Amino acid sequence: MSAVADGDERLATYRGLMGVRWTFGEHALASMLASHMHGRGAMPACLGLDARMFGRMLDHHFPGIGRPDAAAGGGPWDMATMPEYHELKALFTEHQAAHLGEQPWWIEIMIVGCSGRNHLWEDLGLFTRRDLTRLMHELFPGLAARNDRDMKWKKFLYKQLCDREGIVACPAPSCDACAHFSECFSSEG
């Protein structure tokens, strides 16, 4: 498991979800759901998925657990609030692992996470950046392999979009508000 302190209220929720089965995908989703349910991360209701897709995701990854109260936290996410939605969807779709064709929720969850104001792993509600790195390698291996300079993931993804358009300097839309701006935009050396 990731580096989450024993006193963190997310652990009981996480452990309840993980009592059913364990793959890395389930670990990632359980941490996202637990974080959301305890007011952490930036994910909206149902991790940004519509109710039908959210139900399919739960049935696939956590069969038999019922529905955790992950719908709390407002209405559904609106992709119209994110101008780069279609570009991110194309980027993730082009680089998805073969098994993702049966699990379309992963791309949607990753896009919704990109709309947050912090590091992508924090916005998704993952417990560590290392969890995001492993998730990227499992879900989008070709894209993850391109990040050979260990750039912060959100910066890396938006740089990929800018590279496609021939734009030289390209911070993610929320980077300028981040406390770690100087770390991310110093030399990649």
C-alpha atoms as a PDB file:
ATOM      1  CA  MET A   1       0.000   0.000   0.000  1.00  0.00           C
ATOM      2  CA  SER A   2       1.022   3.616  -0.406  1.00  0.00           C
ATOM      3  CA  ALA A   3       2.429   5.996   2.142  1.00  0.00           C
ATOM      4  CA  VAL A   4      -0.750   7.044   3.932  1.00  0.00           C
ATOM      5  CA  ALA A   5      -0.549   7.615   7.686  1.00  0.00           C
ATOM      6  CA  ASP A   6      -2.475   5.238   9.944  1.00  0.00           C
ATOM      7  CA  GLY A   7      -4.575   8.119  11.285  1.00  0.00           C
ATOM      8  CA  ASP A   8      -5.828   9.096   7.826  1.00  0.00           C
ATOM      9  CA  GLU A   9      -9.621   8.683   7.760  1.00  0.00           C
ATOM     10  CA  ARG A  10      -9.425   7.431   4.162  1.00  0.00           C
ATOM     11  CA  LEU A  11      -7.848   4.136   5.251  1.00  0.00           C
ATOM     12  CA  ALA A  12     -11.021   2.501   6.584  1.00  0.00           C
ATOM     13  CA  THR A  13     -12.905   3.350   3.395  1.00  0.00           C
ATOM     14  CA  TYR A  14      -9.991   2.186   1.265  1.00  0.00           C
ATOM     15  CA  ARG A  15      -9.694  -1.089   3.199  1.00  0.00           C
ATOM     16  CA  GLY A  16     -13.429  -1.713   2.878  1.00  0.00           C
ATOM     17  CA  LEU A  17     -13.201  -1.415  -0.892  1.00  0.00           C
ATOM     18  CA  MET A  18     -10.028  -3.452  -1.134  1.00  0.00           C
ATOM     19  CA  GLY A  19     -11.469  -6.301   0.896  1.00  0.00           C
ATOM     20  CA  VAL A  20     -13.162  -7.550  -2.278  1.00  0.00           C
ATOM     21  CA  ARG A  21     -10.203  -7.968  -4.660  1.00  0.00           C
ATOM     22  CA  TRP A  22      -6.804  -6.504  -5.375  1.00  0.00           C
ATOM     23  CA  THR A  23      -5.150  -5.389  -8.554  1.00  0.00           C
ATOM     24  CA  PHE A  24      -3.305  -2.140  -9.000  1.00  0.00           C
ATOM     25  CA  GLY A  25      -6.328  -0.695 -10.819  1.00  0.00           C
ATOM     26  CA  GLU A  26      -8.522  -1.481  -7.819  1.00  0.00           C
ATOM     27  CA  HIS A  27      -5.933   0.065  -5.478  1.00  0.00           C
ATOM     28  CA  ALA A  28      -5.947   3.272  -7.542  1.00  0.00           C
ATOM     29  CA  LEU A  29      -9.733   3.467  -7.757  1.00  0.00           C
ATOM     30  CA  ALA A  30     -10.202   2.624  -4.078  1.00  0.00           C
ATOM     31  CA  SER A  31      -7.826   5.414  -3.102  1.00  0.00           C
ATOM     32  CA  MET A  32      -9.636   7.839  -5.448  1.00  0.00           C
ATOM     33  CA  LEU A  33     -13.037   6.890  -4.024  1.00  0.00           C
ATOM     34  CA  ALA A  34     -11.816   7.032  -0.420  1.00  0.00           C
ATOM     35  CA  SER A  35     -10.207  10.424  -1.013  1.00  0.00           C
ATOM     36  CA  HIS A  36     -13.356  11.787  -2.640  1.00  0.00           C
ATOM     37  CA  MET A  37     -15.582  10.445   0.126  1.00  0.00           C
ATOM     38  CA  HIS A  38     -13.412  12.199   2.719  1.00  0.00           C
ATOM     39  CA  GLY A  39     -13.171  15.523   0.910  1.00  0.00           C
ATOM     40  CA  ARG A  40      -9.696  15.071  -0.556  1.00  0.00           C
ATOM     41  CA  GLY A  41      -8.622  15.495  -4.151  1.00  0.00           C
ATOM     42  CA  ALA A  42     -10.539  17.406  -6.794  1.00  0.00           C
ATOM     43  CA  MET A  43     -12.753  14.692  -8.232  1.00  0.00           C
ATOM     44  CA  PRO A  44     -16.452  15.502  -8.579  1.00  0.00           C
ATOM     45  CA  ALA A  45     -19.372  13.176  -7.903  1.00  0.00           C
ATOM     46  CA  CYS A  46     -18.923   9.660  -9.318  1.00  0.00           C
ATOM     47  CA  LEU A  47     -15.311  10.569 -10.202  1.00  0.00           C
ATOM     48  CA  GLY A  48     -16.731  12.673 -13.017  1.00  0.00           C
ATOM     49  CA  LEU A  49     -18.439   9.729 -14.722  1.00  0.00           C
ATOM     50  CA  ASP A  50     -22.105   9.632 -15.594  1.00  0.00           C
ATOM     51  CA  ALA A  51     -24.168   7.370 -13.318  1.00  0.00           C
ATOM     52  CA  ARG A  52     -24.299   4.513 -15.842  1.00  0.00           C
ATOM     53  CA  MET A  53     -20.547   4.446 -16.452  1.00  0.00           C
ATOM     54  CA  PHE A  54     -19.846   4.845 -12.726  1.00  0.00           C
ATOM     55  CA  GLY A  55     -22.021   1.793 -12.054  1.00  0.00           C
ATOM     56  CA  ARG A  56     -20.228  -0.214 -14.768  1.00  0.00           C
ATOM     57  CA  MET A  57     -16.856   0.767 -13.292  1.00  0.00           C
ATOM     58  CA  LEU A  58     -17.914  -0.320  -9.800  1.00  0.00           C
ATOM     59  CA  ASP A  59     -19.353  -3.601 -11.091  1.00  0.00           C
ATOM     60  CA  HIS A  60     -16.149  -4.312 -13.020  1.00  0.00           C
ATOM     61  CA  HIS A  61     -13.632  -3.429 -10.304  1.00  0.00           C
ATOM     62  CA  PHE A  62     -15.589  -4.000  -7.089  1.00  0.00           C
ATOM     63  CA  PRO A  63     -18.283  -6.594  -7.801  1.00  0.00           C
ATOM     64  CA  GLY A  64     -20.676  -7.196  -4.951  1.00  0.00           C
ATOM     65  CA  ILE A  65     -19.837  -4.199  -2.782  1.00  0.00           C
ATOM     66  CA  GLY A  66     -22.856  -2.094  -3.652  1.00  0.00           C
ATOM     67  CA  ARG A  67     -22.430   1.584  -4.261  1.00  0.00           C
ATOM     68  CA  PRO A  68     -20.268   3.604  -1.909  1.00  0.00           C
ATOM     69  CA  ASP A  69     -21.461   7.122  -1.287  1.00  0.00           C
ATOM     70  CA  ALA A  70     -19.169   8.515  -3.991  1.00  0.00           C
ATOM     71  CA  ALA A  71     -21.941  10.477  -5.623  1.00  0.00           C
ATOM     72  CA  ALA A  72     -21.739  13.091  -2.854  1.00  0.00           C
ATOM     73  CA  GLY A  73     -20.062  16.341  -3.686  1.00  0.00           C
ATOM     74  CA  GLY A  74     -22.216  18.060  -6.263  1.00  0.00           C
ATOM     75  CA  GLY A  75     -23.600  17.398  -9.683  1.00  0.00           C
ATOM     76  CA  PRO A  76     -21.969  15.647 -12.619  1.00  0.00           C
ATOM     77  CA  TRP A  77     -18.805  17.030 -14.137  1.00  0.00           C
ATOM     78  CA  ASP A  78     -19.324  19.128 -17.257  1.00  0.00           C
ATOM     79  CA  MET A  79     -16.702  18.612 -19.963  1.00  0.00           C
ATOM     80  CA  ALA A  80     -17.676  21.979 -21.465  1.00  0.00           C
ATOM     81  CA  THR A  81     -15.738  23.617 -18.612  1.00  0.00           C
ATOM     82  CA  MET A  82     -12.519  22.176 -20.013  1.00  0.00           C
ATOM     83  CA  PRO A  83     -11.616  23.500 -23.482  1.00  0.00           C
ATOM     84  CA  GLU A  84      -8.888  20.884 -23.985  1.00  0.00           C
ATOM     85  CA  TYR A  85     -11.175  17.922 -23.210  1.00  0.00           C
ATOM     86  CA  HIS A  86     -11.193  16.562 -26.780  1.00  0.00           C
ATOM     87  CA  GLU A  87      -7.422  16.960 -27.183  1.00  0.00           C
ATOM     88  CA  LEU A  88      -6.750  15.117 -23.910  1.00  0.00           C
ATOM     89  CA  LYS A  89      -9.222  12.395 -24.880  1.00  0.00           C
ATOM     90  CA  ALA A  90      -7.413  11.918 -28.206  1.00  0.00           C
ATOM     91  CA  LEU A  91      -4.024  11.815 -26.476  1.00  0.00           C
ATOM     92  CA  PHE A  92      -5.112   9.208 -23.921  1.00  0.00           C
ATOM     93  CA  THR A  93      -7.027   7.165 -26.510  1.00  0.00           C
ATOM     94  CA  GLU A  94      -4.022   6.981 -28.848  1.00  0.00           C
ATOM     95  CA  HIS A  95      -1.828   5.627 -26.049  1.00  0.00           C
ATOM     96  CA  GLN A  96      -4.211   3.409 -24.103  1.00  0.00           C
ATOM     97  CA  ALA A  97      -3.288  -0.149 -23.190  1.00  0.00           C
ATOM     98  CA  ALA A  98      -5.238  -2.795 -25.118  1.00  0.00           C
ATOM     99  CA  HIS A  99      -7.365  -3.787 -22.108  1.00  0.00           C
ATOM    100  CA  LEU A 100      -8.772  -0.264 -21.725  1.00  0.00           C
ATOM    101  CA  GLY A 101     -11.161  -0.748 -24.629  1.00  0.00           C
ATOM    102  CA  GLU A 102     -13.445  -2.559 -22.183  1.00  0.00           C
ATOM    103  CA  GLN A 103     -12.865   0.050 -19.450  1.00  0.00           C
ATOM    104  CA  PRO A 104     -13.618   3.485 -20.963  1.00  0.00           C
ATOM    105  CA  TRP A 105     -13.939   5.082 -17.535  1.00  0.00           C
ATOM    106  CA  TRP A 106     -10.169   5.313 -17.094  1.00  0.00           C
ATOM    107  CA  ILE A 107      -9.735   7.907 -19.827  1.00  0.00           C
ATOM    108  CA  GLU A 108     -12.630   9.973 -18.507  1.00  0.00           C
ATOM    109  CA  ILE A 109     -11.304   9.835 -14.930  1.00  0.00           C
ATOM    110  CA  MET A 110      -7.833  10.924 -16.054  1.00  0.00           C
ATOM    111  CA  ILE A 111      -9.258  13.849 -18.029  1.00  0.00           C
ATOM    112  CA  VAL A 112     -11.392  14.983 -15.101  1.00  0.00           C
ATOM    113  CA  GLY A 113      -8.305  14.797 -12.870  1.00  0.00           C
ATOM    114  CA  CYS A 114      -6.467  17.109 -15.271  1.00  0.00           C
ATOM    115  CA  SER A 115      -9.049  19.813 -14.584  1.00  0.00           C
ATOM    116  CA  GLY A 116      -7.982  20.147 -10.931  1.00  0.00           C
ATOM    117  CA  ARG A 117      -5.715  22.839  -9.510  1.00  0.00           C
ATOM    118  CA  ASN A 118      -2.964  20.710  -7.914  1.00  0.00           C
ATOM    119  CA  HIS A 119      -0.645  17.918  -8.980  1.00  0.00           C
ATOM    120  CA  LEU A 120      -2.508  15.288 -10.982  1.00  0.00           C
ATOM    121  CA  TRP A 121      -1.992  12.554  -8.373  1.00  0.00           C
ATOM    122  CA  GLU A 122      -3.460  14.842  -5.689  1.00  0.00           C
ATOM    123  CA  ASP A 123      -6.390  15.935  -7.850  1.00  0.00           C
ATOM    124  CA  LEU A 124      -7.214  12.311  -8.659  1.00  0.00           C
ATOM    125  CA  GLY A 125      -7.101  11.435  -4.960  1.00  0.00           C
ATOM    126  CA  LEU A 126      -4.239   8.964  -5.296  1.00  0.00           C
ATOM    127  CA  PHE A 127      -2.113   8.449  -2.196  1.00  0.00           C
ATOM    128  CA  THR A 128       1.286   9.155  -3.827  1.00  0.00           C
ATOM    129  CA  ARG A 129       2.820  10.434  -7.062  1.00  0.00           C
ATOM    130  CA  ARG A 130       4.375   6.980  -7.438  1.00  0.00           C
ATOM    131  CA  ASP A 131       0.833   5.566  -7.673  1.00  0.00           C
ATOM    132  CA  LEU A 132       0.135   7.862 -10.609  1.00  0.00           C
ATOM    133  CA  THR A 133       3.371   6.896 -12.323  1.00  0.00           C
ATOM    134  CA  ARG A 134       2.525   3.207 -12.039  1.00  0.00           C
ATOM    135  CA  LEU A 135      -1.038   3.851 -13.196  1.00  0.00           C
ATOM    136  CA  MET A 136       0.215   5.751 -16.245  1.00  0.00           C
ATOM    137  CA  HIS A 137       2.557   2.867 -17.130  1.00  0.00           C
ATOM    138  CA  GLU A 138      -0.261   0.333 -16.804  1.00  0.00           C
ATOM    139  CA  LEU A 139      -2.968   2.318 -18.584  1.00  0.00           C
ATOM    140  CA  PHE A 140      -1.011   4.381 -21.120  1.00  0.00           C
ATOM    141  CA  PRO A 141       2.364   2.646 -21.518  1.00  0.00           C
ATOM    142  CA  GLY A 142       3.496   4.408 -24.702  1.00  0.00           C
ATOM    143  CA  LEU A 143       2.676   7.806 -23.280  1.00  0.00           C
ATOM    144  CA  ALA A 144       4.323   7.001 -19.950  1.00  0.00           C
ATOM    145  CA  ALA A 145       7.489   5.860 -21.738  1.00  0.00           C
ATOM    146  CA  ARG A 146       7.759   9.314 -23.319  1.00  0.00           C
ATOM    147  CA  ASN A 147       8.078  10.884 -19.864  1.00  0.00           C
ATOM    148  CA  ASP A 148      11.728   9.884 -19.689  1.00  0.00           C
ATOM    149  CA  ARG A 149      12.720  13.040 -17.792  1.00  0.00           C
ATOM    150  CA  ASP A 150      10.301  12.415 -14.913  1.00  0.00           C
ATOM    151  CA  MET A 151       8.305  15.576 -15.541  1.00  0.00           C
ATOM    152  CA  LYS A 152       5.346  16.187 -13.277  1.00  0.00           C
ATOM    153  CA  TRP A 153       2.464  14.362 -14.971  1.00  0.00           C
ATOM    154  CA  LYS A 154       0.089  17.256 -15.563  1.00  0.00           C
ATOM    155  CA  LYS A 155       2.892  19.379 -16.999  1.00  0.00           C
ATOM    156  CA  PHE A 156       3.957  16.437 -19.169  1.00  0.00           C
ATOM    157  CA  LEU A 157       0.445  15.828 -20.529  1.00  0.00           C
ATOM    158  CA  TYR A 158      -0.127  19.462 -21.420  1.00  0.00           C
ATOM    159  CA  LYS A 159       3.323  19.640 -22.984  1.00  0.00           C
ATOM    160  CA  GLN A 160       2.280  16.729 -25.216  1.00  0.00           C
ATOM    161  CA  LEU A 161      -0.765  18.737 -26.314  1.00  0.00           C
ATOM    162  CA  CYS A 162       1.359  21.791 -27.014  1.00  0.00           C
ATOM    163  CA  ASP A 163       3.955  19.775 -28.913  1.00  0.00           C
ATOM    164  CA  ARG A 164       1.174  18.579 -31.212  1.00  0.00           C
ATOM    165  CA  GLU A 165       0.303  22.201 -31.943  1.00  0.00           C
ATOM    166  CA  GLY A 166       3.904  23.377 -32.262  1.00  0.00           C
ATOM    167  CA  ILE A 167       3.676  25.589 -29.153  1.00  0.00           C
ATOM    168  CA  VAL A 168       7.037  25.949 -27.396  1.00  0.00           C
ATOM    169  CA  ALA A 169       6.168  27.070 -23.821  1.00  0.00           C
ATOM    170  CA  CYS A 170       3.135  25.374 -22.394  1.00  0.00           C
ATOM    171  CA  PRO A 171       2.190  25.166 -18.707  1.00  0.00           C
ATOM    172  CA  ALA A 172      -0.946  23.305 -17.696  1.00  0.00           C
ATOM    173  CA  PRO A 173      -3.851  25.708 -17.121  1.00  0.00           C
ATOM    174  CA  SER A 174      -3.550  25.517 -13.347  1.00  0.00           C
ATOM    175  CA  CYS A 175       0.239  25.451 -13.050  1.00  0.00           C
ATOM    176  CA  ASP A 176       0.660  29.144 -12.326  1.00  0.00           C
ATOM    177  CA  ALA A 177      -1.485  28.783  -9.187  1.00  0.00           C
ATOM    178  CA  CYS A 178       0.540  25.852  -7.819  1.00  0.00           C
ATOM    179  CA  ALA A 179       2.957  26.203  -4.907  1.00  0.00           C
ATOM    180  CA  HIS A 180       5.443  24.007  -6.794  1.00  0.00           C
ATOM    181  CA  PHE A 181       5.519  26.126  -9.985  1.00  0.00           C
ATOM    182  CA  SER A 182       9.243  26.914  -9.658  1.00  0.00           C
ATOM    183  CA  GLU A 183      10.108  23.209  -9.211  1.00  0.00           C
ATOM    184  CA  CYS A 184       8.193  22.133 -12.315  1.00  0.00           C
ATOM    185  CA  PHE A 185       9.341  24.944 -14.555  1.00  0.00           C
ATOM    186  CA  SER A 186      13.001  24.924 -13.644  1.00  0.00           C
ATOM    187  CA  SER A 187      15.465  23.008 -15.800  1.00  0.00           C
ATOM    188  CA  GLU A 188      14.426  19.384 -16.422  1.00  0.00           C
ATOM    189  CA  GLY A 189      18.140  18.444 -16.261  1.00  0.00           C
END
